[in-house]
Amino acid sequence: MTALLETDHLTVTFGGLNANDAVDINVERGTFVGLIGPNGAGKTTFIDAITGFVTPSSGTVRFGGHDITKLAPHERARRGLSRTWQSLELFEDLTVADNLLVAAERPRWWSFLADMLHIHTKASLAGRVDWALDQVGLGDVRNAFPSDLPHGRRKLIGVARALAASPQLVLLDEPAAGLDTTESQVLGAHLRGVLDSGITVFLIDHDMALVLNVCDYLYVLDFGRIVAQGSPAQIRTNPAVIAAYLGERAGETQARGGDVLAEVQREAEQGVQ
């Protein structure tokens, strides 16, 4: 079976430094795949390269069996590749629902003809918006303005907006940032439900409990390279992963041995409870 998304030796170089160094991943259709790693590991750069906002120095990106390495971001989006951003890029003067509507309605060359002939699919668009809001628990604030909401819920608008585009694959860049533990667990449950709608999910997040609990398969990135991959069970018991992901605690890993491993396992298990 052809992977929905795959990269082959994808390399992104800035000033002689490889932010991504020959990265290979495969995301099968209908799966929930995660990418973790410490700050500065190159995770967001990798999403930027996949979605066309950064030009790779070498390697390829294939989506749905087609090489999209040279396509512009909007062309990739039209093929069904959607993403969120770490920074909040919201329209503060639009309601939450209208923020999603902007993403859900994709203009085409014939859109002006549809407008002239009053051929609209607003009911369909509204349905997609309502579905996306429900997926992240924002159905009760659809008519509110982003500026009226706390940071955690504002972050969720970005997730819902990516879903409203009805993508084949959604790439989520730190969606749990700003959420407390309970909000993060609720988000994880909602995101798993996205798979039932035929949307494949690729998640980047620092919330290790969230990532370990919702993902089917994980890649670990450190210094721009994949240092480990496998199931959550394999990742949570990999000492090399602990040293890479908990960068500021890498020294502790050597000093305390299994104590740090046990601590990380306890943190992950708390997310299941």
Protein backbone atom coordinates (compact mmCIF):
# COMPACT_ATOMS: atom_id res chain seq x y z
CA MET A 1 0.00 0.00 0.00
CA THR A 2 1.29 3.47 -0.94
CA ALA A 3 1.74 5.76 2.06
CA LEU A 4 -0.43 8.88 2.12
CA LEU A 5 2.61 10.98 3.06
CA GLU A 6 6.25 10.03 2.71
CA THR A 7 9.54 11.88 2.71
CA ASP A 8 12.75 10.53 1.24
CA HIS A 9 16.00 11.95 2.64
CA LEU A 10 14.33 15.33 3.14
CA THR A 11 17.00 17.88 4.01
CA VAL A 12 16.55 21.56 4.84
CA THR A 13 19.67 23.70 5.21
CA PHE A 14 19.99 27.16 6.74
CA GLY A 15 23.39 28.80 6.48
CA GLY A 16 25.22 25.50 6.24
CA LEU A 17 23.30 23.94 9.13
CA ASN A 18 20.96 21.04 8.40
CA ALA A 19 17.75 21.82 10.29
CA ASN A 20 16.39 18.58 8.80
CA ASP A 21 18.98 15.99 7.83
CA ALA A 22 17.88 13.21 5.45
CA VAL A 23 14.54 12.66 7.21
CA ASP A 24 12.50 9.64 6.09
CA ILE A 25 8.93 9.15 7.32
CA ASN A 26 5.88 7.23 6.15
CA VAL A 27 2.33 8.10 7.21
CA GLU A 28 -0.23 5.48 6.22
CA ARG A 29 -3.77 6.57 5.42
CA GLY A 30 -6.09 6.38 8.43
CA THR A 31 -3.34 6.40 11.06
CA PHE A 32 -2.37 8.81 13.85
CA VAL A 33 1.36 9.50 13.66
CA GLY A 34 3.39 11.67 16.00
CA LEU A 35 6.72 13.49 15.86
CA ILE A 36 8.46 14.43 19.09
CA GLY A 37 11.79 15.94 20.03
CA PRO A 38 13.37 18.73 22.09
CA ASN A 39 13.21 22.43 21.25
CA GLY A 40 15.32 23.20 18.20
CA ALA A 41 15.18 19.62 16.91
CA GLY A 42 13.71 20.79 13.58
CA LYS A 43 10.10 19.67 14.01
CA THR A 44 8.36 22.83 12.78
CA THR A 45 10.87 23.19 9.95
CA PHE A 46 9.88 19.69 8.89
CA ILE A 47 6.19 20.62 8.72
CA ASP A 48 7.12 23.81 6.84
CA ALA A 49 8.99 21.69 4.28
CA ILE A 50 6.09 19.26 3.90
CA THR A 51 3.57 22.05 3.39
CA GLY A 52 5.74 24.14 1.06
CA PHE A 53 6.66 27.08 3.29
CA VAL A 54 10.34 26.07 3.30
CA THR A 55 12.25 24.81 0.27
CA PRO A 56 14.26 21.62 0.87
CA SER A 57 17.86 21.59 -0.26
CA SER A 58 17.46 17.93 -1.22
CA GLY A 59 15.10 15.01 -0.88
CA THR A 60 11.45 14.59 -1.86
CA VAL A 61 7.95 14.86 -0.41
CA ARG A 62 5.27 12.56 -1.80
CA PHE A 63 1.57 12.89 -1.02
CA GLY A 64 -0.99 10.41 -2.24
CA GLY A 65 1.68 8.80 -4.40
CA HIS A 66 2.60 12.07 -6.16
CA ASP A 67 5.77 14.12 -5.86
CA ILE A 68 4.75 17.50 -4.41
CA THR A 69 8.24 18.74 -3.52
CA LYS A 70 8.06 21.68 -5.92
CA LEU A 71 4.40 22.60 -5.45
CA ALA A 72 3.39 25.89 -3.84
CA PRO A 73 1.67 25.79 -0.42
CA HIS A 74 -1.79 26.54 -1.85
CA GLU A 75 -1.41 23.73 -4.40
CA ARG A 76 -0.58 21.28 -1.64
CA ALA A 77 -3.57 22.50 0.36
CA ARG A 78 -5.85 21.86 -2.60
CA ARG A 79 -4.60 18.28 -2.74
CA GLY A 80 -5.78 17.80 0.85
CA LEU A 81 -2.81 18.80 3.01
CA SER A 82 -3.79 21.06 5.92
CA ARG A 83 -1.86 22.38 8.92
CA THR A 84 -1.96 24.48 12.07
CA TRP A 85 0.55 27.07 13.23
CA GLN A 86 2.28 27.56 16.56
CA SER A 87 1.51 31.27 16.39
CA LEU A 88 -2.14 32.25 16.45
CA GLU A 89 -3.07 33.53 12.99
CA LEU A 90 -6.71 34.36 13.72
CA PHE A 91 -9.04 36.99 12.27
CA GLU A 92 -9.92 38.86 15.44
CA ASP A 93 -12.78 40.78 13.79
CA LEU A 94 -14.52 37.58 12.67
CA THR A 95 -16.47 35.15 14.84
CA VAL A 96 -15.02 31.74 15.62
CA ALA A 97 -17.33 30.14 13.04
CA ASP A 98 -16.39 32.69 10.38
CA ASN A 99 -12.69 32.04 11.03
CA LEU A 100 -13.37 28.44 10.10
CA LEU A 101 -15.55 29.38 7.14
CA VAL A 102 -12.61 31.20 5.57
CA ALA A 103 -10.64 27.94 5.60
CA ALA A 104 -13.56 25.73 4.59
CA GLU A 105 -14.37 27.68 1.43
CA ARG A 106 -11.67 27.14 -1.18
CA PRO A 107 -11.97 29.56 -4.09
CA ARG A 108 -11.66 28.09 -7.58
CA TRP A 109 -11.34 29.75 -10.97
CA TRP A 110 -15.06 29.28 -11.50
CA SER A 111 -16.05 30.66 -8.07
CA PHE A 112 -17.04 34.06 -9.49
CA LEU A 113 -19.43 32.31 -11.91
CA ALA A 114 -21.04 30.47 -9.02
CA ASP A 115 -21.47 33.78 -7.21
CA MET A 116 -23.07 35.36 -10.30
CA LEU A 117 -25.47 32.43 -10.71
CA HIS A 118 -26.13 32.22 -6.98
CA ILE A 119 -24.86 28.65 -6.90
CA HIS A 120 -23.70 28.12 -3.34
CA THR A 121 -23.03 25.24 -1.01
CA LYS A 122 -23.26 27.27 2.18
CA ALA A 123 -25.23 24.56 3.94
CA SER A 124 -22.42 22.11 3.24
CA LEU A 125 -19.79 24.59 4.39
CA ALA A 126 -21.73 25.36 7.56
CA GLY A 127 -21.96 21.64 8.26
CA ARG A 128 -18.19 21.26 7.96
CA VAL A 129 -17.66 24.24 10.27
CA ASP A 130 -20.04 22.84 12.89
CA TRP A 131 -18.38 19.42 12.69
CA ALA A 132 -14.89 20.91 13.09
CA LEU A 133 -15.96 22.99 16.09
CA ASP A 134 -17.49 19.94 17.74
CA GLN A 135 -14.29 17.97 17.19
CA VAL A 136 -12.37 20.31 19.51
CA GLY A 137 -15.19 21.19 21.89
CA LEU A 138 -15.85 24.73 20.63
CA GLY A 139 -19.45 24.32 19.53
CA ASP A 140 -20.64 26.53 22.38
CA VAL A 141 -18.57 29.55 21.25
CA ARG A 142 -19.16 29.49 17.49
CA ASN A 143 -20.57 33.06 17.58
CA ALA A 144 -17.95 34.48 19.93
CA PHE A 145 -14.90 36.47 18.83
CA PRO A 146 -11.42 34.99 19.35
CA SER A 147 -10.38 37.95 21.50
CA ASP A 148 -13.11 37.00 24.00
CA LEU A 149 -11.65 33.54 24.61
CA PRO A 150 -8.76 32.38 26.81
CA HIS A 151 -5.51 31.33 25.17
CA GLY A 152 -6.19 27.61 25.38
CA ARG A 153 -9.46 27.84 23.48
CA ARG A 154 -7.94 30.26 20.97
CA LYS A 155 -5.37 27.56 20.18
CA LEU A 156 -8.20 25.14 19.49
CA ILE A 157 -9.66 27.49 16.88
CA GLY A 158 -6.54 26.87 14.80
CA VAL A 159 -7.05 23.11 15.05
CA ALA A 160 -10.72 23.40 14.10
CA ARG A 161 -9.87 25.66 11.18
CA ALA A 162 -7.46 23.07 9.77
CA LEU A 163 -10.14 20.39 10.09
CA ALA A 164 -12.81 22.57 8.45
CA ALA A 165 -10.90 22.38 5.16
CA SER A 166 -11.79 18.64 5.05
CA PRO A 167 -8.19 17.59 4.38
CA GLN A 168 -6.90 14.12 3.69
CA LEU A 169 -4.10 14.79 6.16
CA VAL A 170 -3.89 17.40 8.91
CA LEU A 171 -0.54 18.37 10.42
CA LEU A 172 -0.93 19.71 13.95
CA ASP A 173 1.95 21.85 15.25
CA GLU A 174 1.81 22.03 19.08
CA PRO A 175 -2.02 22.09 19.37
CA ALA A 176 -1.89 21.43 23.13
CA ALA A 177 0.35 24.42 23.91
CA GLY A 178 -1.43 26.57 26.46
CA LEU A 179 -3.84 23.79 27.49
CA ASP A 180 -3.95 22.38 31.00
CA THR A 181 -3.80 18.63 31.61
CA THR A 182 -7.56 18.12 31.49
CA GLU A 183 -7.96 20.20 28.31
CA SER A 184 -5.12 18.25 26.70
CA GLN A 185 -6.76 14.91 27.51
CA VAL A 186 -10.08 16.09 26.08
CA LEU A 187 -8.31 17.31 22.94
CA GLY A 188 -6.64 13.91 22.54
CA ALA A 189 -9.98 12.14 22.71
CA HIS A 190 -11.46 14.50 20.12
CA LEU A 191 -8.50 14.10 17.78
CA ARG A 192 -8.73 10.31 17.84
CA GLY A 193 -12.31 10.75 16.67
CA VAL A 194 -11.07 12.64 13.61
CA LEU A 195 -9.79 9.34 12.19
CA ASP A 196 -13.39 8.11 11.97
CA SER A 197 -14.05 10.87 9.43
CA GLY A 198 -11.32 9.65 7.11
CA ILE A 199 -8.76 12.31 8.06
CA THR A 200 -5.22 11.13 8.78
CA VAL A 201 -3.41 12.98 11.59
CA PHE A 202 0.26 13.93 11.98
CA LEU A 203 0.91 15.46 15.40
CA ILE A 204 3.82 17.44 16.84
CA ASP A 205 3.57 18.31 20.52
CA HIS A 206 5.65 18.69 23.67
CA ASP A 207 2.91 17.10 25.78
CA MET A 208 4.50 13.67 25.97
CA ALA A 209 1.50 12.08 27.71
CA LEU A 210 -0.78 13.32 24.92
CA VAL A 211 1.46 12.07 22.13
CA LEU A 212 2.10 8.67 23.72
CA ASN A 213 -1.58 8.12 24.39
CA VAL A 214 -3.13 9.13 21.06
CA CYS A 215 -0.57 8.12 18.43
CA ASP A 216 -0.33 4.78 16.65
CA TYR A 217 3.28 5.34 15.63
CA LEU A 218 5.98 7.83 16.60
CA TYR A 219 9.11 9.36 15.16
CA VAL A 220 11.71 11.05 17.37
CA LEU A 221 13.73 13.92 15.92
CA ASP A 222 16.92 15.28 17.47
CA PHE A 223 19.38 17.69 15.86
CA GLY A 224 17.44 17.36 12.61
CA ARG A 225 17.73 13.58 12.35
CA ILE A 226 15.36 10.72 13.16
CA VAL A 227 16.93 8.97 16.14
CA ALA A 228 14.12 6.50 16.88
CA GLN A 229 10.75 5.32 15.64
CA GLY A 230 8.17 2.81 16.73
CA SER A 231 4.99 2.25 18.71
CA PRO A 232 4.31 4.33 21.85
CA ALA A 233 5.26 1.31 23.95
CA GLN A 234 8.62 1.06 22.20
CA ILE A 235 9.27 4.80 22.43
CA ARG A 236 8.45 5.18 26.12
CA THR A 237 11.01 2.49 27.04
CA ASN A 238 13.83 3.74 24.83
CA PRO A 239 16.63 5.40 26.88
CA ALA A 240 17.98 7.16 23.78
CA VAL A 241 14.57 8.76 23.27
CA ILE A 242 14.50 9.98 26.86
CA ALA A 243 17.90 11.58 26.44
CA ALA A 244 16.83 13.30 23.22
CA TYR A 245 13.28 14.37 24.11
CA LEU A 246 14.11 15.56 27.63
CA GLY A 247 17.12 17.54 26.52
CA GLU A 248 17.58 19.46 29.75
CA ARG A 249 17.47 16.15 31.66
CA ALA A 250 19.85 14.20 29.44
CA GLY A 251 22.59 14.45 32.08
CA GLU A 252 20.20 13.11 34.68
CA THR A 253 19.54 10.10 32.48
CA GLN A 254 23.16 9.04 32.72
CA ALA A 255 23.41 9.87 36.43
CA ARG A 256 20.16 8.27 37.56
CA GLY A 257 19.81 5.51 34.98
CA GLY A 258 16.47 3.73 35.31
CA ASP A 259 15.05 6.34 37.70
CA VAL A 260 14.49 8.85 34.90
CA LEU A 261 13.01 6.15 32.66
CA ALA A 262 10.56 5.19 35.39
CA GLU A 263 9.65 8.84 35.91
CA VAL A 264 8.84 9.34 32.21
CA GLN A 265 6.76 6.16 32.19
CA ARG A 266 4.79 7.43 35.20
CA GLU A 267 4.17 10.77 33.43
CA ALA A 268 2.84 8.95 30.37
CA GLU A 269 0.67 6.61 32.43
CA GLN A 270 -0.91 9.56 34.25
CA GLY A 271 -2.23 10.74 30.92
CA VAL A 272 -4.09 7.44 30.48
CA GLN A 273 -5.89 7.72 33.81
